[in-house]
C-alpha atoms as a PDB file:
ATOM      1  CA  UNK A   1       0.552  -5.125  10.663  1.00  0.00           C
ATOM      2  CA  UNK A   2      -1.919  -2.510  11.779  1.00  0.00           C
ATOM      3  CA  UNK A   3      -2.579   0.905  14.107  1.00  0.00           C
ATOM      4  CA  UNK A   4      -3.893   5.868  17.985  1.00  0.00           C
ATOM      5  CA  UNK A   5      -2.378   9.022  19.428  1.00  0.00           C
ATOM      6  CA  UNK A   6      -3.443  12.633  20.119  1.00  0.00           C
ATOM      7  CA  UNK A   7      -1.233  15.692  20.710  1.00  0.00           C
ATOM      8  CA  UNK A   8      -0.787  16.597  24.353  1.00  0.00           C
ATOM      9  CA  UNK A   9      -2.696  19.704  25.419  1.00  0.00           C
ATOM     10  CA  UNK A  10      -1.161  22.428  27.578  1.00  0.00           C
ATOM     11  CA  UNK A  11      -3.259  23.243  30.648  1.00  0.00           C
ATOM     12  CA  UNK A  12      -4.471  26.825  30.899  1.00  0.00           C
ATOM     13  CA  UNK A  13      -4.547  28.684  34.216  1.00  0.00           C
ATOM     14  CA  UNK A  14      -7.933  28.817  35.924  1.00  0.00           C
ATOM     15  CA  UNK A  15      -7.506  32.605  35.968  1.00  0.00           C
ATOM     16  CA  UNK A  16      -5.812  33.780  32.739  1.00  0.00           C
ATOM     17  CA  UNK A  17      -5.043  37.160  34.312  1.00  0.00           C
ATOM     18  CA  UNK A  18      -3.218  35.589  37.251  1.00  0.00           C
ATOM     19  CA  UNK A  19       0.457  34.954  36.485  1.00  0.00           C
ATOM     20  CA  UNK A  20       2.633  33.330  39.111  1.00  0.00           C
ATOM     21  CA  UNK A  21       5.739  33.001  36.946  1.00  0.00           C
ATOM     22  CA  UNK A  22       8.717  35.320  37.528  1.00  0.00           C
ATOM     23  CA  UNK A  23       8.545  38.609  35.651  1.00  0.00           C
ATOM     24  CA  UNK A  24       4.883  38.138  34.834  1.00  0.00           C
ATOM     25  CA  UNK A  25       5.578  35.803  31.854  1.00  0.00           C
ATOM     26  CA  UNK A  26       3.273  32.879  31.108  1.00  0.00           C
ATOM     27  CA  UNK A  27       5.260  29.702  31.800  1.00  0.00           C
ATOM     28  CA  UNK A  28       2.732  27.479  30.049  1.00  0.00           C
ATOM     29  CA  UNK A  29       4.496  26.173  26.948  1.00  0.00           C
ATOM     30  CA  UNK A  30       2.974  24.298  24.047  1.00  0.00           C
ATOM     31  CA  UNK A  31       4.268  20.728  23.735  1.00  0.00           C
ATOM     32  CA  UNK A  32       7.167  20.246  21.355  1.00  0.00           C
ATOM     33  CA  UNK A  33       6.284  18.856  17.954  1.00  0.00           C
ATOM     34  CA  UNK A  34       7.026  15.114  17.871  1.00  0.00           C
ATOM     35  CA  UNK A  35       9.211  15.541  14.772  1.00  0.00           C
ATOM     36  CA  UNK A  36      11.390  18.208  16.390  1.00  0.00           C
ATOM     37  CA  UNK A  37      11.990  21.776  15.298  1.00  0.00           C
ATOM     38  CA  UNK A  38      14.856  21.402  12.822  1.00  0.00           C
ATOM     39  CA  UNK A  39      13.423  20.190   9.518  1.00  0.00           C
ATOM     40  CA  UNK A  40      16.003  21.810   7.252  1.00  0.00           C
ATOM     41  CA  UNK A  41      17.635  19.880   4.411  1.00  0.00           C
ATOM     42  CA  UNK A  42      20.770  20.580   2.358  1.00  0.00           C
ATOM     43  CA  UNK A  43      20.299  22.393  -0.926  1.00  0.00           C
ATOM     44  CA  UNK A  44      20.170  20.225  -4.014  1.00  0.00           C
ATOM     45  CA  UNK A  45      17.968  18.955  -6.835  1.00  0.00           C
ATOM     46  CA  UNK A  46      14.453  17.590  -6.452  1.00  0.00           C
ATOM     47  CA  UNK A  47      14.268  14.033  -5.128  1.00  0.00           C
ATOM     48  CA  UNK A  48      13.236  11.061  -7.330  1.00  0.00           C
ATOM     49  CA  UNK A  49      10.849   8.594  -5.650  1.00  0.00           C
ATOM     50  CA  UNK A  50      10.183   5.040  -6.832  1.00  0.00           C
ATOM     51  CA  UNK A  51       9.211   1.720  -5.318  1.00  0.00           C
ATOM     52  CA  UNK A  52       6.906  -1.283  -5.391  1.00  0.00           C
ATOM     53  CA  UNK A  53       3.747  -2.741  -3.868  1.00  0.00           C
ATOM     54  CA  UNK A  54       3.401  -6.249  -2.414  1.00  0.00           C
ATOM     55  CA  UNK A  55       0.415  -8.168  -1.130  1.00  0.00           C
ATOM     56  CA  UNK A  56       0.661  -8.633   2.641  1.00  0.00           C
ATOM     57  CA  UNK A  57      -0.502 -12.223   2.958  1.00  0.00           C
ATOM     58  CA  UNK A  58      -2.448 -14.319   0.443  1.00  0.00           C
ATOM     59  CA  UNK A  59      -2.671 -14.065  -2.542  1.00  0.00           C
ATOM     60  CA  UNK A  60       0.973 -12.846  -2.155  1.00  0.00           C
ATOM     61  CA  UNK A  61       2.810 -11.455  -5.148  1.00  0.00           C
ATOM     62  CA  UNK A  62       2.729  -7.947  -6.573  1.00  0.00           C
ATOM     63  CA  UNK A  63      -0.126  -5.446  -6.448  1.00  0.00           C
ATOM     64  CA  UNK A  64      -0.680  -4.625 -10.111  1.00  0.00           C
ATOM     65  CA  UNK A  65      -2.606  -1.651 -11.491  1.00  0.00           C
ATOM     66  CA  UNK A  66      -2.737   0.272  -8.203  1.00  0.00           C
ATOM     67  CA  UNK A  67      -2.614   4.056  -8.093  1.00  0.00           C
ATOM     68  CA  UNK A  68       0.217   5.498  -6.022  1.00  0.00           C
ATOM     69  CA  UNK A  69      -0.226   9.172  -5.171  1.00  0.00           C
ATOM     70  CA  UNK A  70       1.386  11.874  -3.047  1.00  0.00           C
ATOM     71  CA  UNK A  71      -1.065  12.825  -0.284  1.00  0.00           C
ATOM     72  CA  UNK A  72       0.175  16.418  -0.065  1.00  0.00           C
ATOM     73  CA  UNK A  73       0.518  16.767  -3.875  1.00  0.00           C
ATOM     74  CA  UNK A  74      -2.464  14.755  -5.167  1.00  0.00           C
ATOM     75  CA  UNK A  75      -1.770  15.629  -8.804  1.00  0.00           C
ATOM     76  CA  UNK A  76       1.421  13.530  -8.637  1.00  0.00           C
ATOM     77  CA  UNK A  77       0.436   9.931  -9.364  1.00  0.00           C
ATOM     78  CA  UNK A  78       1.780   6.728 -10.870  1.00  0.00           C
ATOM     79  CA  UNK A  79       0.424   3.232 -11.575  1.00  0.00           C
ATOM     80  CA  UNK A  80       2.062  -0.016 -10.482  1.00  0.00           C
ATOM     81  CA  UNK A  81       3.184  -2.234 -13.364  1.00  0.00           C
ATOM     82  CA  UNK A  82       3.154  -6.034 -13.750  1.00  0.00           C
ATOM     83  CA  UNK A  83       5.973  -6.306 -11.205  1.00  0.00           C
ATOM     84  CA  UNK A  84       4.294  -3.952  -8.752  1.00  0.00           C
ATOM     85  CA  UNK A  85       6.752  -1.150  -9.569  1.00  0.00           C
ATOM     86  CA  UNK A  86       5.989   2.568  -9.748  1.00  0.00           C
ATOM     87  CA  UNK A  87       7.957   5.751 -10.404  1.00  0.00           C
ATOM     88  CA  UNK A  88       6.707   9.154  -9.224  1.00  0.00           C
ATOM     89  CA  UNK A  89       9.583  11.081 -10.771  1.00  0.00           C
ATOM     90  CA  UNK A  90      11.371  13.932  -8.968  1.00  0.00           C
ATOM     91  CA  UNK A  91       9.449  15.582  -6.132  1.00  0.00           C
ATOM     92  CA  UNK A  92      10.124  18.907  -4.374  1.00  0.00           C
ATOM     93  CA  UNK A  93      13.103  18.868  -2.055  1.00  0.00           C
ATOM     94  CA  UNK A  94      12.393  20.045   1.482  1.00  0.00           C
ATOM     95  CA  UNK A  95       8.700  19.069   1.396  1.00  0.00           C
ATOM     96  CA  UNK A  96       7.104  16.736   3.933  1.00  0.00           C
ATOM     97  CA  UNK A  97       5.386  14.105   1.801  1.00  0.00           C
ATOM     98  CA  UNK A  98       3.331  10.958   2.422  1.00  0.00           C
ATOM     99  CA  UNK A  99       2.524   8.301  -0.171  1.00  0.00           C
ATOM    100  CA  UNK A 100      -0.750   6.454  -0.646  1.00  0.00           C
ATOM    101  CA  UNK A 101      -1.746   3.299  -2.544  1.00  0.00           C
ATOM    102  CA  UNK A 102      -5.288   2.838  -3.830  1.00  0.00           C
ATOM    103  CA  UNK A 103      -6.684  -0.342  -5.397  1.00  0.00           C
ATOM    104  CA  UNK A 104     -10.250  -1.724  -5.374  1.00  0.00           C
ATOM    105  CA  UNK A 105      -9.071  -5.044  -3.901  1.00  0.00           C
ATOM    106  CA  UNK A 106      -6.854  -3.585  -1.163  1.00  0.00           C
ATOM    107  CA  UNK A 107      -7.275  -1.674   2.102  1.00  0.00           C
ATOM    108  CA  UNK A 108      -6.476   2.087   1.823  1.00  0.00           C
ATOM    109  CA  UNK A 109      -2.850   2.363   2.906  1.00  0.00           C
ATOM    110  CA  UNK A 110      -0.234   5.071   3.389  1.00  0.00           C
ATOM    111  CA  UNK A 111       3.487   5.173   4.138  1.00  0.00           C
ATOM    112  CA  UNK A 112       5.236   7.173   6.810  1.00  0.00           C
ATOM    113  CA  UNK A 113       5.998  10.811   6.033  1.00  0.00           C
ATOM    114  CA  UNK A 114       9.316  11.779   4.409  1.00  0.00           C
ATOM    115  CA  UNK A 115      11.251  15.047   4.568  1.00  0.00           C
ATOM    116  CA  UNK A 116      12.586  14.971   1.035  1.00  0.00           C
ATOM    117  CA  UNK A 117      16.326  15.505   0.925  1.00  0.00           C
ATOM    118  CA  UNK A 118      16.925  14.622   4.600  1.00  0.00           C
ATOM    119  CA  UNK A 119      19.613  12.030   5.213  1.00  0.00           C
ATOM    120  CA  UNK A 120      17.269   9.908   7.361  1.00  0.00           C
ATOM    121  CA  UNK A 121      14.675   9.904   4.563  1.00  0.00           C
ATOM    122  CA  UNK A 122      16.722   8.769   1.596  1.00  0.00           C
ATOM    123  CA  UNK A 123      18.848  11.836   0.980  1.00  0.00           C
ATOM    124  CA  UNK A 124      18.997  12.578  -2.736  1.00  0.00           C
ATOM    125  CA  UNK A 125      16.715   9.688  -3.778  1.00  0.00           C
ATOM    126  CA  UNK A 126      14.030   7.475  -2.255  1.00  0.00           C
ATOM    127  CA  UNK A 127      14.239   4.056  -3.837  1.00  0.00           C
ATOM    128  CA  UNK A 128      12.400   0.844  -2.992  1.00  0.00           C
ATOM    129  CA  UNK A 129       9.592   2.718  -1.249  1.00  0.00           C
ATOM    130  CA  UNK A 130       7.400  -0.247  -0.419  1.00  0.00           C
ATOM    131  CA  UNK A 131       3.741  -0.875   0.334  1.00  0.00           C
ATOM    132  CA  UNK A 132       2.764  -4.027   2.257  1.00  0.00           C
ATOM    133  CA  UNK A 133      -0.831  -3.972   1.108  1.00  0.00           C
ATOM    134  CA  UNK A 134      -3.418  -6.290   2.718  1.00  0.00           C
ATOM    135  CA  UNK A 135      -6.747  -7.321   1.258  1.00  0.00           C
ATOM    136  CA  UNK A 136      -9.819  -6.541   3.403  1.00  0.00           C
ATOM    137  CA  UNK A 137      -9.968 -10.211   4.447  1.00  0.00           C
ATOM    138  CA  UNK A 138      -6.360 -10.257   5.709  1.00  0.00           C
ATOM    139  CA  UNK A 139      -6.850  -6.865   7.369  1.00  0.00           C
ATOM    140  CA  UNK A 140      -9.903  -8.213   9.235  1.00  0.00           C
ATOM    141  CA  UNK A 141      -7.967 -11.325  10.278  1.00  0.00           C
ATOM    142  CA  UNK A 142      -5.118  -9.246  11.719  1.00  0.00           C
ATOM    143  CA  UNK A 143      -7.628  -7.040  13.556  1.00  0.00           C
ATOM    144  CA  UNK A 144      -9.298 -10.103  15.048  1.00  0.00           C
ATOM    145  CA  UNK A 145      -5.948 -11.470  16.215  1.00  0.00           C
ATOM    146  CA  UNK A 146      -5.204  -8.114  17.863  1.00  0.00           C
ATOM    147  CA  UNK A 147      -8.552  -8.133  19.658  1.00  0.00           C
ATOM    148  CA  UNK A 148      -9.426  -4.692  18.248  1.00  0.00           C
ATOM    149  CA  UNK A 149     -12.199  -3.429  15.952  1.00  0.00           C
ATOM    150  CA  UNK A 150     -10.772  -0.768  13.601  1.00  0.00           C
ATOM    151  CA  UNK A 151     -12.713   2.490  13.956  1.00  0.00           C
ATOM    152  CA  UNK A 152     -13.613   4.728  11.011  1.00  0.00           C
ATOM    153  CA  UNK A 153     -12.537   7.905  12.824  1.00  0.00           C
ATOM    154  CA  UNK A 154      -9.099   6.520  13.752  1.00  0.00           C
ATOM    155  CA  UNK A 155      -6.101   5.202  11.874  1.00  0.00           C
ATOM    156  CA  UNK A 156      -4.092   2.015  12.311  1.00  0.00           C
ATOM    157  CA  UNK A 157      -0.287   2.278  12.480  1.00  0.00           C
ATOM    158  CA  UNK A 158       2.228  -0.451  11.731  1.00  0.00           C
ATOM    159  CA  UNK A 159       5.866  -0.908  10.893  1.00  0.00           C
ATOM    160  CA  UNK A 160       8.644  -3.493  10.827  1.00  0.00           C
ATOM    161  CA  UNK A 161      11.819  -3.246  12.882  1.00  0.00           C
ATOM    162  CA  UNK A 162      14.052  -4.462  10.061  1.00  0.00           C
ATOM    163  CA  UNK A 163      17.576  -5.766  10.349  1.00  0.00           C
ATOM    164  CA  UNK A 164      20.506  -4.015   8.761  1.00  0.00           C
ATOM    165  CA  UNK A 165      20.823  -4.579   5.013  1.00  0.00           C
ATOM    166  CA  UNK A 166      17.343  -6.079   4.588  1.00  0.00           C
ATOM    167  CA  UNK A 167      14.136  -4.926   2.960  1.00  0.00           C
ATOM    168  CA  UNK A 168      11.034  -6.711   1.630  1.00  0.00           C
ATOM    169  CA  UNK A 169      12.786  -8.472  -1.263  1.00  0.00           C
ATOM    170  CA  UNK A 170      16.503  -8.660  -0.415  1.00  0.00           C
ATOM    171  CA  UNK A 171      18.438 -10.186   2.453  1.00  0.00           C
ATOM    172  CA  UNK A 172      19.066 -13.680   3.814  1.00  0.00           C
ATOM    173  CA  UNK A 173      16.373 -15.323   5.925  1.00  0.00           C
ATOM    174  CA  UNK A 174      13.706 -13.390   7.814  1.00  0.00           C
ATOM    175  CA  UNK A 175      13.980  -9.600   7.718  1.00  0.00           C
ATOM    176  CA  UNK A 176      12.987  -8.656  11.281  1.00  0.00           C
ATOM    177  CA  UNK A 177      15.314  -7.492  14.059  1.00  0.00           C
ATOM    178  CA  UNK A 178      14.323  -9.518  17.148  1.00  0.00           C
ATOM    179  CA  UNK A 179      14.541  -8.202  20.699  1.00  0.00           C
ATOM    180  CA  UNK A 180      13.724  -4.577  19.878  1.00  0.00           C
ATOM    181  CA  UNK A 181      10.992  -2.353  21.268  1.00  0.00           C
ATOM    182  CA  UNK A 182       9.025   0.374  19.515  1.00  0.00           C
ATOM    183  CA  UNK A 183       7.272   3.535  20.674  1.00  0.00           C
ATOM    184  CA  UNK A 184       4.863   6.102  19.240  1.00  0.00           C
ATOM    185  CA  UNK A 185       4.819   9.669  20.589  1.00  0.00           C
ATOM    186  CA  UNK A 186       3.118  11.687  21.881  1.00  0.00           C
ATOM    187  CA  UNK A 187       1.301   9.133  24.021  1.00  0.00           C
ATOM    188  CA  UNK A 188      -2.500   8.984  23.956  1.00  0.00           C
ATOM    189  CA  UNK A 189      -5.407   6.686  24.638  1.00  0.00           C
ATOM    190  CA  UNK A 190      -5.168   4.317  21.683  1.00  0.00           C
ATOM    191  CA  UNK A 191      -6.825   0.908  21.947  1.00  0.00           C
ATOM    192  CA  UNK A 192      -3.751  -1.327  21.697  1.00  0.00           C
ATOM    193  CA  UNK A 193      -0.042  -1.059  21.064  1.00  0.00           C
ATOM    194  CA  UNK A 194       2.696  -1.603  20.702  1.00  0.00           C
ATOM    195  CA  UNK A 195       1.554  -5.105  19.741  1.00  0.00           C
ATOM    196  CA  UNK A 196       4.387  -7.211  18.323  1.00  0.00           C
ATOM    197  CA  UNK A 197       4.034  -9.900  15.665  1.00  0.00           C
ATOM    198  CA  UNK A 198       4.803 -13.518  16.457  1.00  0.00           C
ATOM    199  CA  UNK A 199       5.650 -16.153  13.862  1.00  0.00           C
ATOM    200  CA  UNK A 200       5.640 -19.902  13.457  1.00  0.00           C
ATOM    201  CA  UNK A 201       7.077 -19.887   9.914  1.00  0.00           C
ATOM    202  CA  UNK A 202       8.485 -17.241   7.582  1.00  0.00           C
ATOM    203  CA  UNK A 203       5.027 -16.497   6.133  1.00  0.00           C
ATOM    204  CA  UNK A 204       2.879 -17.397   9.154  1.00  0.00           C
ATOM    205  CA  UNK A 205       2.663 -14.391  11.453  1.00  0.00           C
ATOM    206  CA  UNK A 206       0.126 -12.842  13.790  1.00  0.00           C
ATOM    207  CA  UNK A 207      -0.076  -9.922  16.247  1.00  0.00           C
ATOM    208  CA  UNK A 208       0.477 -11.297  19.751  1.00  0.00           C
ATOM    209  CA  UNK A 209      -0.516  -8.948  22.619  1.00  0.00           C
ATOM    210  CA  UNK A 210       1.489 -11.108  25.048  1.00  0.00           C
ATOM    211  CA  UNK A 211       4.834 -10.175  23.486  1.00  0.00           C
ATOM    212  CA  UNK A 212       6.995  -7.388  24.930  1.00  0.00           C
ATOM    213  CA  UNK A 213       9.379  -6.995  21.989  1.00  0.00           C
ATOM    214  CA  UNK A 214       9.934  -7.903  18.368  1.00  0.00           C
ATOM    215  CA  UNK A 215      10.448 -11.401  17.020  1.00  0.00           C
ATOM    216  CA  UNK A 216      12.335 -12.332  13.853  1.00  0.00           C
ATOM    217  CA  UNK A 217       9.327 -10.996  11.933  1.00  0.00           C
ATOM    218  CA  UNK A 218       9.950  -7.499  13.317  1.00  0.00           C
ATOM    219  CA  UNK A 219       6.327  -6.424  12.983  1.00  0.00           C
ATOM    220  CA  UNK A 220       4.583  -4.069  15.413  1.00  0.00           C
ATOM    221  CA  UNK A 221       1.267  -2.199  15.402  1.00  0.00           C
ATOM    222  CA  UNK A 222      -0.810   0.393  17.258  1.00  0.00           C
ATOM    223  CA  UNK A 223      -4.604   0.151  16.953  1.00  0.00           C
ATOM    224  CA  UNK A 224      -7.148   2.962  16.644  1.00  0.00           C
ATOM    225  CA  UNK A 225      -4.742   5.880  16.798  1.00  0.00           C
ATOM    226  CA  UNK A 226      -6.359   9.357  16.823  1.00  0.00           C
ATOM    227  CA  UNK A 227      -5.594  11.437  13.700  1.00  0.00           C
ATOM    228  CA  UNK A 228      -2.498  13.588  14.109  1.00  0.00           C
ATOM    229  CA  UNK A 229       1.268  13.657  13.698  1.00  0.00           C
ATOM    230  CA  UNK A 230       3.495  11.233  15.587  1.00  0.00           C
ATOM    231  CA  UNK A 231       7.100  10.130  15.894  1.00  0.00           C
ATOM    232  CA  UNK A 232       7.863   6.409  15.801  1.00  0.00           C
ATOM    233  CA  UNK A 233      11.103   5.176  17.328  1.00  0.00           C
ATOM    234  CA  UNK A 234      12.773   1.838  17.963  1.00  0.00           C
ATOM    235  CA  UNK A 235      15.294   0.718  20.567  1.00  0.00           C
ATOM    236  CA  UNK A 236      17.662  -2.216  20.917  1.00  0.00           C
ATOM    237  CA  UNK A 237      20.959  -2.224  22.793  1.00  0.00           C
ATOM    238  CA  UNK A 238      23.810  -2.166  20.308  1.00  0.00           C
ATOM    239  CA  UNK A 239      21.674  -1.050  17.357  1.00  0.00           C
ATOM    240  CA  UNK A 240      20.881   2.275  15.716  1.00  0.00           C
ATOM    241  CA  UNK A 241      17.342   2.428  14.330  1.00  0.00           C
ATOM    242  CA  UNK A 242      15.961   4.963  11.863  1.00  0.00           C
ATOM    243  CA  UNK A 243      13.072   7.060  13.283  1.00  0.00           C
ATOM    244  CA  UNK A 244       9.814   7.460  11.355  1.00  0.00           C
ATOM    245  CA  UNK A 245       7.444  10.402  10.964  1.00  0.00           C
ATOM    246  CA  UNK A 246       3.751   9.475  10.884  1.00  0.00           C
ATOM    247  CA  UNK A 247       0.756  11.449   9.650  1.00  0.00           C
ATOM    248  CA  UNK A 248      -2.304   9.605  10.907  1.00  0.00           C
ATOM    249  CA  UNK A 249      -5.547  10.127   8.945  1.00  0.00           C
ATOM    250  CA  UNK A 250      -8.940   8.653   9.815  1.00  0.00           C
ATOM    251  CA  UNK A 251      -9.792   5.437   7.991  1.00  0.00           C
ATOM    252  CA  UNK A 252      -6.256   4.625   6.840  1.00  0.00           C
ATOM    253  CA  UNK A 253      -3.693   1.973   7.586  1.00  0.00           C
ATOM    254  CA  UNK A 254      -0.308   3.704   7.897  1.00  0.00           C
ATOM    255  CA  UNK A 255       2.389   1.086   7.392  1.00  0.00           C
ATOM    256  CA  UNK A 256       6.001   2.259   7.395  1.00  0.00           C
ATOM    257  CA  UNK A 257       7.269  -0.810   5.545  1.00  0.00           C
ATOM    258  CA  UNK A 258      10.890  -1.902   5.014  1.00  0.00           C
ATOM    259  CA  UNK A 259      13.296  -0.371   4.243  1.00  0.00           C
ATOM    260  CA  UNK A 260      11.564   2.898   5.263  1.00  0.00           C
ATOM    261  CA  UNK A 261      10.200   1.853   8.621  1.00  0.00           C
ATOM    262  CA  UNK A 262      12.143   1.288  11.833  1.00  0.00           C
ATOM    263  CA  UNK A 263      15.230   0.211   9.904  1.00  0.00           C
ATOM    264  CA  UNK A 264      18.413  -0.819  11.705  1.00  0.00           C
ATOM    265  CA  UNK A 265      21.165   1.323  10.186  1.00  0.00           C
ATOM    266  CA  UNK A 266      24.077   0.159  12.362  1.00  0.00           C
ATOM    267  CA  UNK A 267      24.657  -2.752  14.745  1.00  0.00           C
ATOM    268  CA  UNK A 268      22.038  -5.381  15.433  1.00  0.00           C
ATOM    269  CA  UNK A 269      22.115  -8.750  13.713  1.00  0.00           C
ATOM    270  CA  UNK A 270      24.508  -9.400  10.890  1.00  0.00           C
ATOM    271  CA  UNK A 271      22.736  -9.096   7.508  1.00  0.00           C
ATOM    272  CA  UNK A 272      23.702 -12.716   6.701  1.00  0.00           C
ATOM    273  CA  UNK A 273      22.159 -14.096   9.901  1.00  0.00           C
ATOM    274  CA  UNK A 274      19.501 -16.585   8.735  1.00  0.00           C
ATOM    275  CA  UNK A 275      17.035 -15.380  11.363  1.00  0.00           C
ATOM    276  CA  UNK A 276      14.098 -17.658  12.060  1.00  0.00           C
ATOM    277  CA  UNK A 277      14.603 -21.296  11.035  1.00  0.00           C
END
């Protein structure tokens, strides 16, 4: 799954000294931040963060020996073990943090951004933070299927709308929540998206620009997104879906992977539904 958006600009008056608003006040307001204004978290201890890294596509399996770092706290790093696992220890509560995986055989990739300690972002612990990490060959194949050439000065954004009770390694059948839509805000002139992923078998998927919603794969992408901060949301009647904060940086794939992407937290398909067969 792959990834453009720019903050909306307020229009200035042609004559800054001319003010037509009542009382002489300037009624031009800056656009609201896509993450909202209330980023407070309950008091408590620092938040432990751990997870794993998987290959997205062949050769499958775990990504071993990769460096996982905290973008905003680059001195905090860990290395994935033989089962792709890493442990970053306890990180500062109340901080907005993004996680990055680096490996010579993989495309540079980051997660969504977490407000540590917030109930939507793991609360008192972030466990099973996952990286779906493609090789350059798989990344190029997905880009070709999307009909987009990734640009060096943009980022690519992807996620999975994931059914309740599922993540990358647990759950019955396919992990996607079909029939959902996804959005990235604020809107801007990205090259493609949302583009949803189709599938013909559990491990045979591709971005299909003809689709208007998720399949049982759940994957979705936006291509060539301008650097900036965005809010990712999902919608499906009868389902509650976790929102995602995105910090887009040039040259990166930002993949909010299960269970920390657009995760269904209530409603939707039953966790035991086999999904695609």
